[in-house]
N, C-alpha and C. Protein backbone atom coordinates (compact mmCIF):
# COMPACT_ATOMS: atom_id res chain seq x y z
N UNK A 1 123.25 19.85 70.66
CA UNK A 1 122.73 20.49 69.44
C UNK A 1 121.21 19.93 69.24
N UNK A 2 120.30 20.83 68.90
CA UNK A 2 118.92 20.44 68.68
C UNK A 2 118.64 20.57 67.14
N UNK A 3 117.89 19.65 66.69
CA UNK A 3 117.31 19.87 65.26
C UNK A 3 115.86 20.30 65.40
N UNK A 4 115.57 21.34 64.69
CA UNK A 4 114.21 21.84 64.66
C UNK A 4 113.51 21.11 63.42
N UNK A 5 112.67 20.12 63.67
CA UNK A 5 111.95 19.43 62.70
C UNK A 5 110.52 19.37 63.09
N UNK A 6 109.71 18.63 62.23
CA UNK A 6 108.26 18.62 62.46
C UNK A 6 107.86 17.87 63.75
N UNK A 7 108.76 16.93 64.24
CA UNK A 7 108.46 16.35 65.45
C UNK A 7 108.79 17.21 66.67
N UNK A 8 109.75 18.01 66.58
CA UNK A 8 110.19 18.88 67.65
C UNK A 8 109.09 20.00 67.81
N UNK A 9 108.51 20.40 66.64
CA UNK A 9 107.45 21.45 66.63
C UNK A 9 105.97 20.76 66.75
N UNK A 10 105.95 19.56 66.95
CA UNK A 10 104.63 18.75 67.05
C UNK A 10 103.64 19.04 65.90
N UNK A 11 104.24 18.92 64.68
CA UNK A 11 103.47 19.17 63.54
C UNK A 11 103.36 17.78 62.81
N UNK A 12 102.27 17.55 62.15
CA UNK A 12 102.13 16.35 61.26
C UNK A 12 103.00 16.50 60.05
N UNK A 13 103.04 17.69 59.49
CA UNK A 13 103.92 17.92 58.23
C UNK A 13 104.39 19.36 58.48
N UNK A 14 105.51 19.63 57.82
CA UNK A 14 106.26 20.90 57.99
C UNK A 14 106.83 21.29 56.57
N UNK A 15 106.46 22.54 56.16
CA UNK A 15 107.04 22.97 54.96
C UNK A 15 107.46 24.45 55.25
N UNK A 16 108.71 24.65 55.49
CA UNK A 16 109.16 25.97 55.85
C UNK A 16 109.35 26.83 54.58
N UNK A 17 108.59 27.94 54.54
CA UNK A 17 108.59 28.73 53.37
C UNK A 17 109.29 30.06 53.58
N UNK A 18 109.49 30.52 54.77
CA UNK A 18 110.16 31.71 55.14
C UNK A 18 110.61 31.67 56.57
N UNK A 19 111.57 32.43 56.98
CA UNK A 19 111.93 32.56 58.29
C UNK A 19 112.56 33.88 58.67
N UNK A 20 112.54 34.35 59.87
CA UNK A 20 113.26 35.67 60.16
C UNK A 20 113.73 35.52 61.57
N UNK A 21 114.79 36.17 61.90
CA UNK A 21 115.28 36.36 63.31
C UNK A 21 115.09 37.86 63.56
N UNK A 22 114.29 38.09 64.66
CA UNK A 22 113.97 39.54 65.03
C UNK A 22 113.98 39.65 66.48
N UNK A 23 114.67 40.65 67.01
CA UNK A 23 114.82 40.89 68.51
C UNK A 23 115.08 39.58 69.35
N UNK A 24 115.96 38.74 68.84
CA UNK A 24 116.34 37.60 69.54
C UNK A 24 115.41 36.40 69.40
N UNK A 25 114.27 36.51 68.63
CA UNK A 25 113.44 35.44 68.44
C UNK A 25 113.50 34.90 66.99
N UNK A 26 113.20 33.72 66.77
CA UNK A 26 113.23 33.11 65.50
C UNK A 26 111.77 32.87 65.08
N UNK A 27 111.41 33.36 63.87
CA UNK A 27 110.06 33.15 63.35
C UNK A 27 110.14 32.32 62.16
N UNK A 28 109.32 31.23 62.19
CA UNK A 28 109.35 30.27 61.17
C UNK A 28 107.86 30.31 60.41
N UNK A 29 107.89 30.45 59.17
CA UNK A 29 106.49 30.36 58.39
C UNK A 29 106.36 29.03 57.90
N UNK A 30 105.34 28.23 58.37
CA UNK A 30 105.05 26.97 57.88
C UNK A 30 103.90 27.09 56.87
N UNK A 31 104.02 26.48 55.71
CA UNK A 31 103.02 26.70 54.58
C UNK A 31 101.72 26.16 54.99
N UNK A 32 101.76 25.09 55.95
CA UNK A 32 100.41 24.46 56.26
C UNK A 32 99.76 24.96 57.50
N UNK A 33 100.47 25.62 58.43
CA UNK A 33 99.87 26.01 59.70
C UNK A 33 100.06 27.46 60.15
N UNK A 34 100.98 28.10 59.61
CA UNK A 34 101.20 29.57 59.89
C UNK A 34 102.68 29.79 60.54
N UNK A 35 102.73 30.77 61.47
CA UNK A 35 103.97 31.23 61.97
C UNK A 35 104.18 30.56 63.34
N UNK A 36 105.36 30.10 63.51
CA UNK A 36 105.82 29.56 64.82
C UNK A 36 106.99 30.43 65.36
N UNK A 37 106.88 30.95 66.64
CA UNK A 37 107.89 31.78 67.21
C UNK A 37 108.67 30.91 68.22
N UNK A 38 110.05 30.93 68.03
CA UNK A 38 110.92 30.15 68.87
C UNK A 38 111.74 31.24 69.61
N UNK A 39 112.15 30.78 70.89
CA UNK A 39 113.11 31.70 71.68
C UNK A 39 114.30 30.77 72.15
N UNK A 40 115.47 31.40 72.39
CA UNK A 40 116.53 30.66 73.03
C UNK A 40 116.63 31.17 74.38
N UNK A 41 116.74 30.27 75.37
CA UNK A 41 116.90 30.60 76.78
C UNK A 41 118.46 30.93 77.03
N UNK A 42 118.68 31.50 78.19
CA UNK A 42 120.13 31.72 78.53
C UNK A 42 120.93 30.46 78.47
N UNK A 43 120.25 29.36 78.79
CA UNK A 43 120.99 28.02 78.79
C UNK A 43 121.10 27.41 77.36
N UNK A 44 120.63 28.30 76.35
CA UNK A 44 120.76 27.91 74.98
C UNK A 44 119.78 26.72 74.60
N UNK A 45 118.62 26.70 75.24
CA UNK A 45 117.61 25.71 75.01
C UNK A 45 116.59 26.41 73.99
N UNK A 46 116.00 25.66 73.12
CA UNK A 46 115.08 26.26 72.21
C UNK A 46 113.65 25.94 72.69
N UNK A 47 112.80 26.96 72.86
CA UNK A 47 111.35 26.78 73.26
C UNK A 47 110.47 27.39 72.28
N UNK A 48 109.33 26.78 72.16
CA UNK A 48 108.26 27.18 71.25
C UNK A 48 107.44 28.37 72.06
N UNK A 49 107.52 29.60 71.74
CA UNK A 49 106.87 30.55 72.48
C UNK A 49 105.45 30.76 72.07
N UNK A 50 105.22 30.76 70.77
CA UNK A 50 103.69 30.99 70.35
C UNK A 50 103.57 30.40 68.90
N UNK A 51 102.30 30.23 68.60
CA UNK A 51 102.00 29.78 67.29
C UNK A 51 100.82 30.79 66.81
N UNK A 52 101.02 31.31 65.62
CA UNK A 52 99.95 32.09 64.94
C UNK A 52 99.40 31.37 63.80
N UNK A 53 98.31 30.76 63.97
CA UNK A 53 97.60 29.82 63.04
C UNK A 53 97.06 30.72 61.88
N UNK A 54 97.25 30.23 60.62
CA UNK A 54 96.63 30.91 59.52
C UNK A 54 96.01 29.77 58.54
N UNK A 55 95.46 30.31 57.39
CA UNK A 55 95.08 29.40 56.38
C UNK A 55 96.32 29.00 55.71
N UNK A 56 96.34 27.92 55.04
CA UNK A 56 97.60 27.49 54.31
C UNK A 56 97.72 28.29 53.07
N UNK A 57 99.01 28.31 52.59
CA UNK A 57 99.32 29.00 51.35
C UNK A 57 100.28 30.20 51.40
N UNK A 58 100.62 30.68 52.55
CA UNK A 58 101.49 31.77 52.64
C UNK A 58 102.93 31.42 52.43
N UNK A 59 103.63 32.17 51.63
CA UNK A 59 104.99 31.88 51.33
C UNK A 59 106.06 32.87 51.77
N UNK A 60 105.55 34.10 52.17
CA UNK A 60 106.46 35.19 52.67
C UNK A 60 105.81 35.77 53.82
N UNK A 61 106.64 36.40 54.75
CA UNK A 61 106.18 37.05 55.88
C UNK A 61 107.06 38.18 56.36
N UNK A 62 106.53 39.12 57.15
CA UNK A 62 107.34 40.28 57.68
C UNK A 62 107.05 40.26 59.17
N UNK A 63 108.07 40.63 59.88
CA UNK A 63 107.88 40.78 61.35
C UNK A 63 108.33 42.18 61.78
N UNK A 64 107.58 42.85 62.65
CA UNK A 64 107.95 44.16 63.15
C UNK A 64 107.22 44.46 64.42
N UNK A 65 107.73 45.37 65.21
CA UNK A 65 107.21 45.76 66.37
C UNK A 65 106.93 47.41 66.40
N UNK A 66 105.71 47.74 66.83
CA UNK A 66 105.30 49.10 66.67
C UNK A 66 105.78 49.76 68.01
N UNK A 67 106.12 49.10 69.00
CA UNK A 67 106.59 49.78 70.30
C UNK A 67 108.00 49.30 70.64
N UNK A 68 108.98 49.42 69.70
CA UNK A 68 110.25 48.99 69.89
C UNK A 68 111.03 49.82 71.02
N UNK A 69 110.61 50.96 71.23
CA UNK A 69 111.22 51.81 72.32
C UNK A 69 110.93 51.24 73.73
N UNK A 70 109.76 50.55 73.86
CA UNK A 70 109.29 50.04 75.15
C UNK A 70 109.85 48.61 75.25
């Protein structure tokens, strides 16, 4: 079992204000740095796929895909 904390995400500080699970990916909104996207591998390992840096202060987010058919 893995714990997703600030050290796992390589963050100095972490304040999770929102999260979503969408199309098999986990999206975490950090108040200080922005959105972090996590994926689970078939071996059930957690990997950090992407980081979307923003200014601090966001407390809510939404995730969608415009080309869900593809």
